[in-house]
Protein backbone atom coordinates (compact mmCIF):
# COMPACT_ATOMS: atom_id res chain seq x y z
CA MET A 1 136.48 81.98 39.84
CA THR A 2 132.95 82.43 39.09
CA GLN A 3 129.89 80.25 40.07
CA ALA A 4 129.94 76.80 39.48
CA VAL A 5 128.63 75.30 36.17
CA TRP A 6 127.42 71.38 35.82
CA ILE A 7 128.59 69.35 32.75
CA ILE A 8 126.84 66.43 32.22
CA ASP A 9 127.77 63.46 29.31
CA ASP A 10 128.76 60.31 29.24
CA ASP A 11 130.82 61.04 26.46
CA LYS A 12 134.47 61.99 28.62
CA ALA A 13 136.60 63.83 25.51
CA ILE A 14 133.75 66.36 25.41
CA ARG A 15 133.86 66.49 29.38
CA TRP A 16 137.82 66.78 29.08
CA VAL A 17 137.08 70.14 26.50
CA LEU A 18 135.11 71.69 28.35
CA GLU A 19 136.45 71.49 31.38
CA LYS A 20 139.90 72.62 30.05
CA SER A 21 138.19 75.55 28.45
CA LEU A 22 136.15 76.69 31.68
CA ALA A 23 139.09 75.99 34.10
CA ARG A 24 140.89 78.53 31.34
CA SER A 25 138.39 80.87 31.75
CA GLY A 26 138.23 80.66 35.62
CA ILE A 27 134.77 79.60 35.22
CA ALA A 28 134.06 76.78 38.20
CA TYR A 29 132.67 73.73 37.23
CA GLN A 30 131.75 70.23 38.24
CA SER A 31 131.07 67.05 35.69
CA PHE A 32 128.68 64.51 35.84
CA SER A 33 128.55 61.18 33.77
CA SER A 34 124.91 60.68 34.15
CA ALA A 35 122.11 62.30 34.54
CA ASP A 36 120.72 60.46 37.36
CA ASP A 37 124.02 61.58 39.04
CA ALA A 38 123.68 64.97 38.60
CA LEU A 39 120.00 64.64 39.78
CA ASN A 40 121.41 63.55 43.08
CA ALA A 41 123.81 66.32 43.98
CA LEU A 42 120.93 68.81 42.86
CA TYR A 43 119.24 67.74 46.36
CA ASP A 44 122.80 68.59 47.91
CA ALA A 45 123.22 71.92 45.83
CA THR A 46 122.25 74.16 42.60
CA PRO A 47 124.39 74.97 39.99
CA SER A 48 124.73 78.60 38.26
CA VAL A 49 124.38 76.73 34.56
CA ILE A 50 123.81 73.29 33.22
CA ILE A 51 125.37 72.18 29.94
CA SER A 52 123.89 68.74 29.50
CA ASP A 53 124.06 65.96 26.79
CA ILE A 54 120.77 65.06 25.01
CA ARG A 55 120.98 61.45 23.90
CA MET A 56 122.61 59.36 27.62
CA PRO A 57 122.21 55.78 29.42
CA GLY A 58 119.39 56.44 31.40
CA THR A 59 117.85 59.96 32.20
CA ASP A 60 117.53 61.37 29.16
CA GLY A 61 119.11 65.07 28.23
CA LEU A 62 115.33 65.77 27.49
CA LYS A 63 113.79 64.37 30.88
CA PHE A 64 116.70 65.57 33.04
CA LEU A 65 115.66 69.12 31.43
CA GLY A 66 111.87 68.64 32.47
CA LYS A 67 112.66 67.80 36.04
CA VAL A 68 115.20 69.87 36.59
CA LYS A 69 112.51 72.90 35.19
CA GLN A 70 110.31 71.57 37.75
CA GLU A 71 112.19 72.46 41.29
CA HIS A 72 114.14 75.44 39.24
CA PRO A 73 112.25 77.13 36.85
CA ALA A 74 114.91 79.98 36.11
CA LEU A 75 118.04 77.73 36.74
CA PRO A 76 119.66 78.38 32.28
CA VAL A 77 120.51 74.92 30.96
CA ILE A 78 122.17 74.35 27.67
CA ILE A 79 121.24 71.67 25.74
CA MET A 80 124.26 69.70 23.24
CA THR A 81 123.94 67.16 21.03
CA ALA A 82 125.47 65.32 17.87
CA HIS A 83 122.11 64.54 16.55
CA SER A 84 121.52 68.22 14.75
CA ASP A 85 117.38 67.86 13.90
CA LEU A 86 114.82 69.73 14.29
CA ASP A 87 113.02 67.59 16.59
CA SER A 88 115.87 68.24 19.26
CA ALA A 89 116.26 71.90 18.67
CA VAL A 90 111.99 72.63 18.90
CA ALA A 91 111.98 70.20 22.08
CA ALA A 92 114.40 71.74 23.69
CA PHE A 93 113.65 75.14 23.49
CA GLN A 94 109.59 73.75 24.65
CA GLY A 95 111.08 72.10 27.39
CA GLY A 96 112.88 75.79 28.33
CA ALA A 97 116.97 75.40 27.47
CA PHE A 98 118.56 78.23 27.50
CA GLU A 99 120.26 77.53 23.90
CA TYR A 100 120.56 74.87 22.35
CA LEU A 101 124.47 73.78 21.22
CA PRO A 102 125.11 71.22 17.82
CA LYS A 103 127.49 69.18 18.22
CA PRO A 104 131.10 69.37 16.81
CA PHE A 105 131.31 72.96 18.78
CA ASP A 106 133.79 75.65 18.61
CA VAL A 107 134.92 75.57 22.12
CA ASP A 108 135.47 79.18 22.14
CA GLN A 109 131.71 79.76 20.92
CA ALA A 110 130.60 77.73 24.28
CA VAL A 111 132.48 79.21 26.44
CA ALA A 112 130.97 82.12 25.63
CA LEU A 113 127.52 80.93 25.51
CA ILE A 114 127.60 79.29 29.02
CA GLU A 115 129.07 83.11 30.30
CA ARG A 116 126.50 84.42 28.67
CA ALA A 117 124.04 81.93 30.32
CA LEU A 118 126.36 82.99 34.10
CA ALA A 119 124.85 86.37 33.28
CA GLU A 120 121.10 85.66 32.52
CA SER A 121 121.48 83.04 35.93
CA ARG A 122 122.71 86.35 37.84
CA SER A 123 120.14 88.42 36.75
CA SER A 124 117.70 85.76 37.89
CA GLU A 125 118.77 85.66 41.25
CA ALA A 126 119.04 89.50 41.66
CA ALA A 127 115.12 89.80 40.27
CA SER A 128 113.93 86.36 42.84
CA GLU A 129 116.00 88.56 45.69
CA ASP A 130 113.45 91.34 44.48
CA ALA A 131 110.45 89.15 44.46
CA GLU A 132 111.30 87.63 48.10
CA ALA A 133 111.56 90.96 49.37
CA MET A 134 107.72 91.31 48.30
CA PRO A 135 105.82 89.90 51.52
CA ALA A 136 104.73 86.36 51.26
CA LEU A 137 102.03 86.12 53.67
CA LEU A 138 99.24 89.10 53.25
CA GLY A 139 96.20 89.46 54.78
CA GLN A 140 94.19 91.93 56.99
CA ALA A 141 91.68 89.56 58.34
CA PRO A 142 91.55 88.89 61.72
CA ALA A 143 91.88 85.15 60.74
CA MET A 144 95.30 85.72 59.39
CA GLN A 145 96.27 88.81 61.91
CA ASP A 146 96.20 85.94 64.83
CA VAL A 147 98.16 83.41 62.08
CA PHE A 148 100.80 86.54 62.18
CA ARG A 149 100.74 86.76 65.70
CA ALA A 150 101.22 83.24 66.15
CA ILE A 151 104.09 83.30 63.88
CA GLY A 152 105.62 86.20 65.61
CA ARG A 153 105.08 84.57 69.22
CA LEU A 154 106.85 81.17 67.94
CA SER A 155 109.51 83.03 66.75
CA GLN A 156 112.15 82.08 69.40
CA SER A 157 110.95 78.38 69.68
CA SER A 158 111.77 75.60 68.28
CA VAL A 159 108.66 73.51 68.55
CA THR A 160 106.65 71.61 65.94
CA VAL A 161 103.92 73.29 64.69
CA LEU A 162 101.18 71.31 62.63
CA ILE A 163 99.29 73.82 60.03
CA THR A 164 96.08 72.92 59.25
CA GLY A 165 93.78 74.04 55.84
CA GLU A 166 92.29 73.72 53.12
CA SER A 167 94.34 72.99 49.64
CA GLY A 168 96.15 76.43 47.92
CA THR A 169 95.61 78.40 51.25
CA GLY A 170 99.54 78.95 51.78
CA LYS A 171 100.16 76.18 54.32
CA GLU A 172 104.00 76.32 53.14
CA ARG A 173 104.14 79.84 53.10
CA VAL A 174 103.69 80.30 56.26
CA ALA A 175 105.98 76.78 57.33
CA GLU A 176 108.26 79.22 55.24
CA ALA A 177 107.62 82.43 57.83
CA LEU A 178 108.01 80.28 60.91
CA HIS A 179 111.73 79.42 59.88
CA ARG A 180 112.62 82.81 58.26
CA HIS A 181 111.47 84.30 61.16
CA SER A 182 112.54 81.53 63.73
CA VAL A 183 116.08 80.78 65.43
CA ARG A 184 117.11 78.42 62.59
CA SER A 185 116.78 81.13 59.62
CA ALA A 186 120.65 80.88 58.31
CA LYS A 187 120.37 76.96 58.06
CA PRO A 188 118.07 75.00 55.64
CA PHE A 189 114.74 75.04 55.33
CA ILE A 190 113.39 71.66 53.66
CA ALA A 191 110.63 70.84 51.98
CA LEU A 192 108.82 67.62 51.32
CA ASN A 193 105.27 66.56 50.00
CA THR A 194 104.56 62.89 51.23
CA ALA A 195 101.58 62.47 49.10
CA ALA A 196 103.90 62.77 46.32
CA ILE A 197 106.61 60.84 47.08
CA PRO A 198 105.38 56.90 45.68
CA LYS A 199 105.86 55.24 48.94
CA ASP A 200 108.42 53.05 48.58
CA LEU A 201 110.68 55.66 47.98
CA LEU A 202 109.62 58.03 50.79
CA GLU A 203 111.98 55.91 53.73
CA SER A 204 114.80 56.60 51.57
CA GLU A 205 113.76 60.13 51.04
CA LEU A 206 113.19 61.33 54.43
CA PHE A 207 115.79 59.30 55.65
CA GLY A 208 118.48 58.02 53.25
CA HIS A 209 119.93 55.52 51.90
CA GLU A 210 123.61 53.66 52.23
CA LYS A 211 125.30 51.63 49.55
CA GLY A 212 124.38 48.79 48.40
CA ALA A 213 120.63 49.05 50.79
CA PHE A 214 118.60 48.05 47.99
CA THR A 215 118.70 47.61 43.82
CA GLY A 216 119.93 50.46 42.82
CA ALA A 217 121.21 51.78 45.89
CA LEU A 218 124.79 52.62 43.96
CA GLY A 219 126.15 54.76 46.61
CA THR A 220 125.33 56.54 50.23
CA ARG A 221 122.54 58.80 49.82
CA ARG A 222 120.77 61.77 52.46
CA GLY A 223 118.20 62.01 53.57
CA ARG A 224 115.60 65.51 53.99
CA PHE A 225 116.72 64.47 57.57
CA GLU A 226 120.36 65.12 56.93
CA GLU A 227 119.80 67.99 54.45
CA ALA A 228 117.91 70.28 57.01
CA GLU A 229 120.58 69.27 59.81
CA GLY A 230 119.92 72.90 62.30
CA GLY A 231 117.05 74.17 60.29
CA THR A 232 113.44 73.46 59.47
CA LEU A 233 112.14 70.24 58.15
CA PHE A 234 108.56 71.14 56.57
CA LEU A 235 105.99 67.99 55.91
CA ASP A 236 103.37 68.77 53.81
CA GLU A 237 100.21 66.16 53.26
CA ILE A 238 101.44 64.36 56.43
CA GLY A 239 98.10 62.80 57.22
CA ASP A 240 98.82 60.96 53.88
CA MET A 241 101.62 59.15 55.17
CA PRO A 242 102.48 55.30 55.53
CA THR A 243 101.72 53.92 58.73
CA GLU A 244 105.20 52.06 58.99
CA LEU A 245 106.59 55.37 58.23
CA GLN A 246 104.42 56.98 60.89
CA THR A 247 106.23 54.66 63.46
CA ARG A 248 110.04 55.68 62.32
CA LEU A 249 108.63 59.39 62.40
CA LEU A 250 107.44 59.27 65.59
CA ARG A 251 110.53 57.63 66.63
CA VAL A 252 112.81 60.26 65.61
CA LEU A 253 110.31 63.10 67.26
CA SER A 254 110.88 61.01 70.56
CA ASP A 255 114.71 59.72 70.85
CA GLY A 256 116.20 62.28 68.55
CA HIS A 257 118.36 60.30 66.47
CA PHE A 258 117.77 57.91 63.45
CA TYR A 259 119.16 55.29 61.00
CA ARG A 260 119.48 55.34 57.43
CA VAL A 261 117.80 52.62 55.43
CA GLY A 262 120.66 49.49 55.41
CA GLY A 263 122.60 52.02 58.11
CA HIS A 264 123.46 50.71 61.40
CA THR A 265 124.76 54.16 62.91
CA PRO A 266 122.68 55.85 64.42
CA ILE A 267 122.66 59.79 63.23
CA LYS A 268 121.27 62.67 65.54
CA ALA A 269 118.97 64.79 63.76
CA ASN A 270 118.70 68.55 65.40
CA VAL A 271 115.19 70.17 62.84
CA ARG A 272 112.62 71.56 63.55
CA VAL A 273 110.06 69.43 62.17
CA ILE A 274 106.90 71.64 60.98
CA ALA A 275 104.28 69.29 59.80
CA ALA A 276 101.20 70.47 57.55
CA THR A 277 97.92 68.51 55.92
CA HIS A 278 94.32 69.28 54.74
CA GLN A 279 92.63 66.04 55.81
CA HIS A 280 91.34 65.67 59.88
CA LEU A 281 93.74 64.19 61.64
CA GLU A 282 91.20 63.22 64.19
CA GLU A 283 89.28 61.21 62.01
CA ARG A 284 91.79 59.37 60.34
CA VAL A 285 93.26 58.63 64.17
CA LYS A 286 89.33 57.40 65.15
CA LEU A 287 89.48 55.41 61.52
CA GLY A 288 93.22 53.58 62.68
CA GLN A 289 94.29 55.28 59.55
CA PHE A 290 96.74 57.87 61.49
CA ARG A 291 99.11 56.96 65.32
CA GLU A 292 96.82 58.45 67.94
CA ASP A 293 100.33 59.33 69.15
CA LEU A 294 102.22 60.86 66.60
CA PHE A 295 99.15 63.46 65.79
CA HIS A 296 100.04 64.66 69.61
CA ARG A 297 103.65 64.88 68.90
CA LEU A 298 102.76 66.90 66.01
CA ASN A 299 100.15 69.02 67.12
CA VAL A 300 101.76 70.66 69.57
CA ILE A 301 101.17 73.92 67.98
CA ARG A 302 97.94 74.33 65.69
CA LEU A 303 97.90 76.68 63.29
CA ARG A 304 94.59 76.67 60.68
CA LEU A 305 94.75 78.68 57.73
CA PRO A 306 91.10 80.14 57.18
CA PRO A 307 89.76 79.23 53.19
CA LEU A 308 90.28 82.69 50.74
CA ARG A 309 86.13 82.54 51.20
CA GLU A 310 86.39 83.56 54.77
CA ARG A 311 88.76 86.26 54.52
CA SER A 312 87.64 87.94 51.26
CA GLU A 313 88.39 91.19 52.16
CA ASP A 314 91.85 90.44 51.46
CA ILE A 315 91.08 89.40 47.81
CA PRO A 316 91.70 93.27 46.51
CA LEU A 317 95.30 93.58 48.37
CA LEU A 318 95.92 89.85 46.98
CA VAL A 319 95.17 90.62 43.49
CA ARG A 320 97.25 93.98 43.06
CA HIS A 321 99.83 91.96 44.82
CA PHE A 322 99.93 88.62 42.34
CA LEU A 323 99.59 90.61 39.96
CA ALA A 324 102.37 93.19 40.68
CA ARG A 325 104.75 90.15 41.04
CA SER A 326 103.63 88.55 37.69
CA ALA A 327 103.58 91.55 35.27
CA ALA A 328 107.73 91.53 37.13
CA ASN A 329 108.33 88.25 35.73
CA LEU A 330 107.39 89.01 32.86
CA GLY A 331 109.15 92.26 32.46
CA VAL A 332 105.27 94.44 31.52
CA GLU A 333 103.29 96.87 33.80
CA PRO A 334 101.14 95.53 36.09
CA LYS A 335 97.36 95.38 35.29
CA ARG A 336 94.48 96.68 37.44
CA LEU A 337 90.66 95.27 37.89
CA SER A 338 87.75 97.70 37.58
CA GLU A 339 85.65 98.23 40.48
CA ALA A 340 82.92 95.77 38.47
CA ALA A 341 85.78 93.67 37.96
CA MET A 342 86.84 92.87 41.31
CA ALA A 343 83.28 92.66 42.63
CA LEU A 344 82.86 89.82 40.47
CA VAL A 345 86.53 88.35 42.04
CA GLN A 346 85.89 89.51 45.53
CA HIS A 347 82.85 87.23 45.82
CA TYR A 348 83.46 84.14 43.67
CA ALA A 349 83.74 81.42 46.40
CA PHE A 350 87.70 79.73 45.00
CA PRO A 351 87.76 75.93 45.83
CA GLY A 352 91.27 76.29 44.82
CA ASN A 353 91.97 78.93 47.53
CA VAL A 354 94.77 81.15 47.13
CA ARG A 355 96.68 79.52 45.09
CA GLN A 356 93.56 79.87 42.59
CA LEU A 357 93.50 83.26 43.17
CA GLU A 358 97.36 83.70 42.22
CA ASN A 359 96.99 81.59 38.80
CA LEU A 360 94.24 84.04 38.00
CA CYS A 361 96.70 86.69 38.48
CA GLN A 362 98.55 85.14 36.06
CA TRP A 363 96.06 84.77 33.56
CA ILE A 364 95.00 88.05 33.55
CA THR A 365 98.75 89.34 33.06
CA VAL A 366 98.96 87.00 30.08
CA MET A 367 95.28 87.25 28.42
CA ALA A 368 93.67 90.39 29.63
CA PRO A 369 94.10 92.37 26.50
CA GLY A 370 94.03 96.43 27.81
CA GLN A 371 95.44 97.68 30.61
CA SER A 372 91.94 98.41 32.52
CA VAL A 373 90.68 94.65 33.29
CA GLU A 374 86.97 94.55 32.80
CA MET A 375 84.39 91.89 33.78
CA GLN A 376 84.45 90.72 30.15
CA ASP A 377 88.13 89.94 30.04
CA LEU A 378 87.97 87.92 32.79
CA PRO A 379 88.35 83.54 32.01
CA PRO A 380 84.19 82.41 32.02
CA GLU A 381 83.96 80.59 35.09
CA PHE A 382 83.97 83.96 36.51
CA ARG A 383 81.44 85.82 34.16
CA PRO A 384 78.71 82.57 33.43
CA GLU A 385 76.69 83.94 30.45
CA LEU A 386 73.55 84.27 31.91
CA VAL A 387 73.18 88.29 30.88
CA ALA A 388 70.20 89.27 29.31
CA GLY A 389 69.29 92.14 27.20
CA SER A 390 71.31 95.49 26.44
CA GLY A 391 71.25 96.81 30.31
CA GLY A 392 72.90 93.39 31.50
CA ALA A 393 70.68 92.11 33.65
CA ILE A 394 70.98 89.05 35.23
CA GLU A 395 67.52 86.76 34.96
CA LEU A 396 67.52 83.84 36.29
CA PRO A 397 65.11 81.50 34.63
CA LEU A 398 63.13 78.66 35.25
CA ALA A 399 64.16 74.81 34.47
CA ALA A 400 63.26 73.90 30.53
CA ASP A 401 60.36 71.56 31.85
CA GLY A 402 58.66 74.44 33.79
CA SER A 403 58.62 72.83 36.88
CA GLY A 404 60.46 75.93 38.55
CA VAL A 405 63.36 74.65 39.37
CA LEU A 406 66.48 77.05 38.79
CA PRO A 407 69.44 75.40 37.09
CA THR A 408 72.86 74.97 39.24
CA LEU A 409 74.87 77.80 38.41
CA ALA A 410 78.84 77.72 37.42
CA GLY A 411 79.77 79.50 40.72
CA ASP A 412 78.01 81.06 43.88
CA TRP A 413 74.90 82.71 42.51
CA THR A 414 76.17 85.34 45.03
CA MET A 415 78.30 85.97 42.59
CA LEU A 416 75.75 86.45 39.76
CA LEU A 417 74.57 89.40 42.10
CA ALA A 418 77.54 90.96 43.17
CA ARG A 419 77.98 91.28 38.75
CA GLU A 420 74.35 92.50 38.56
CA VAL A 421 74.73 95.16 40.92
CA ALA A 422 77.94 96.20 39.92
CA GLN A 423 76.60 96.93 36.77
CA ARG A 424 73.72 99.35 38.42
CA LEU A 425 76.54 100.88 40.08
CA ALA A 426 78.23 101.94 36.69
CA ALA A 427 75.45 102.95 35.12
CA GLY A 428 74.02 105.32 38.42
CA GLU A 429 71.11 103.45 39.24
CA THR A 430 69.45 104.08 42.47
CA GLY A 431 66.61 101.74 44.37
CA ILE A 432 68.87 98.53 43.36
CA ILE A 433 67.95 97.31 47.11
CA ASP A 434 64.18 97.66 46.16
CA ASP A 435 64.29 96.57 42.84
CA LEU A 436 66.28 93.54 43.50
CA THR A 437 64.81 92.48 45.78
CA ALA A 438 61.10 91.98 44.56
CA ARG A 439 62.84 90.33 41.42
CA PHE A 440 64.19 88.20 43.99
CA GLU A 441 60.63 87.39 45.68
CA SER A 442 59.16 87.40 42.41
CA THR A 443 61.25 84.31 41.29
CA CYS A 444 60.98 82.39 44.85
CA ILE A 445 56.94 82.55 44.66
CA ARG A 446 57.38 81.55 40.82
CA SER A 447 59.44 78.44 41.68
CA GLY A 448 57.35 78.02 45.29
CA LEU A 449 53.82 77.74 43.22
CA ALA A 450 55.72 75.69 40.29
CA HIS A 451 56.77 73.53 42.70
CA THR A 452 53.07 72.60 45.23
CA GLY A 453 51.82 72.53 41.59
CA GLY A 454 49.85 75.76 42.67
CA ARG A 455 48.57 75.13 45.92
CA LYS A 456 49.42 78.41 47.95
CA VAL A 457 49.27 77.30 51.02
CA GLU A 458 51.80 74.60 50.99
CA ALA A 459 53.86 77.57 48.66
CA ALA A 460 53.90 79.70 51.49
CA ASN A 461 54.90 77.16 54.01
CA LEU A 462 57.65 76.22 52.09
CA LEU A 463 58.59 80.17 51.51
CA GLY A 464 58.55 80.81 55.41
CA TRP A 465 55.33 82.68 54.93
CA GLY A 466 51.37 82.99 55.48
CA ARG A 467 49.67 82.56 53.19
CA ASN A 468 47.64 86.15 53.52
CA THR A 469 51.67 87.58 52.86
CA LEU A 470 51.88 85.13 50.17
CA THR A 471 48.26 86.38 48.15
CA ARG A 472 49.45 90.19 49.16
CA LYS A 473 52.92 89.89 48.25
CA ILE A 474 51.54 88.32 44.55
CA GLN A 475 49.40 91.41 44.45
CA GLU A 476 51.86 94.18 44.95
CA LEU A 477 54.45 92.17 42.74
CA GLY A 478 51.55 91.69 39.91
CA LEU A 479 51.72 88.14 39.56
CA GLU A 480 49.23 85.85 37.98
CA HIS A 481 48.98 82.03 39.01
CA GLY A 482 46.17 80.26 39.73
CA GLU A 483 45.42 77.50 42.57
């Protein structure tokens, strides 16, 4: 039999017809009477194709489609409904549906559509395997090389690891690499963002629950610890975990077993825990917001991921990687950045770190007009409109009130400097440093004198010069300014 197809419909007759038709075609299937049941099953397994009704009690088909696409964007979902209206069809396609199937439908046509979706699923899985063959972590910067060496040293260990770093630095990628290169690699890697789960549901997500444990607990459900049995459990944003759950997690790490919510039988936890946070846990311990004993349990081995601004030498390598991957996903040729555009990107601060750079490369792949991407093709935040004159010289004007205070620029001012240098190099200019140094000093002098009301001694002190040096610079630069 081929891979499983999930049938979701509250109409038993529809489920029966599809089950018999798929069985005759040798296609494995599993049926659900509600979208909520299917969502629960998705925690334990992933089908190759889903065919779902729209209008059902509880979670409807469109909401179900949205939730599936969040976690499994490449999974083909066929939406069927007895209400063959344009709004339903448009909503289904906008939500990412593979196809829209109006009822009543011809059974043979429905099976043919499912077989087409299965073929699409197999193609997506092959493409995913190719993408996974590409390195998940890249970097030549010394800080990243330290991370790579640590992953290698930890390959034969199941010791707990705490990964720290700003948002977007790739903490989950590192956790995946630790799992992939460990003795547990054949077992599951389960990730849970503790900050993304409502406080009231987090305990059940982690430890599971027994039937009747609380209102809505209609059946027994395994938690993430059980799903990760023998493998790795990655707890992201551990610093946001509620205090009462910190106590339960500490007990699991200490005793090696846990209880489901509403349960009385201990369950052994054979799981390696990797935690991550963008917060300063030592400070949260001092403030009483994080248990000190749990911190020491997690902080056995600590890996710090550097922000992208500390490894700017890796940006060209990452750009080529992300552009190639974005192009492969869209089935187009990879685009490339000109030297000037690359210089501009390389000097950008990237507060969102590697994730923001990846988003930029996706934007370029879709939005940039040509194969060779120039500075003017980049998004607005990467090319602030401070260019004056046909020569492209960047002017840094004084404030409109004449105070000499520079306006706040969108991004790091060194990004503007990099753009200026790149433009002049592209134009074949020489003597760039001398000219830019003179302009830099002129700007500092004008701003300093404007700030002090023309008082040279005070301006010189603020700028870090002596009065004579300031006077000489004013003469050399041809600046006229009264006392």
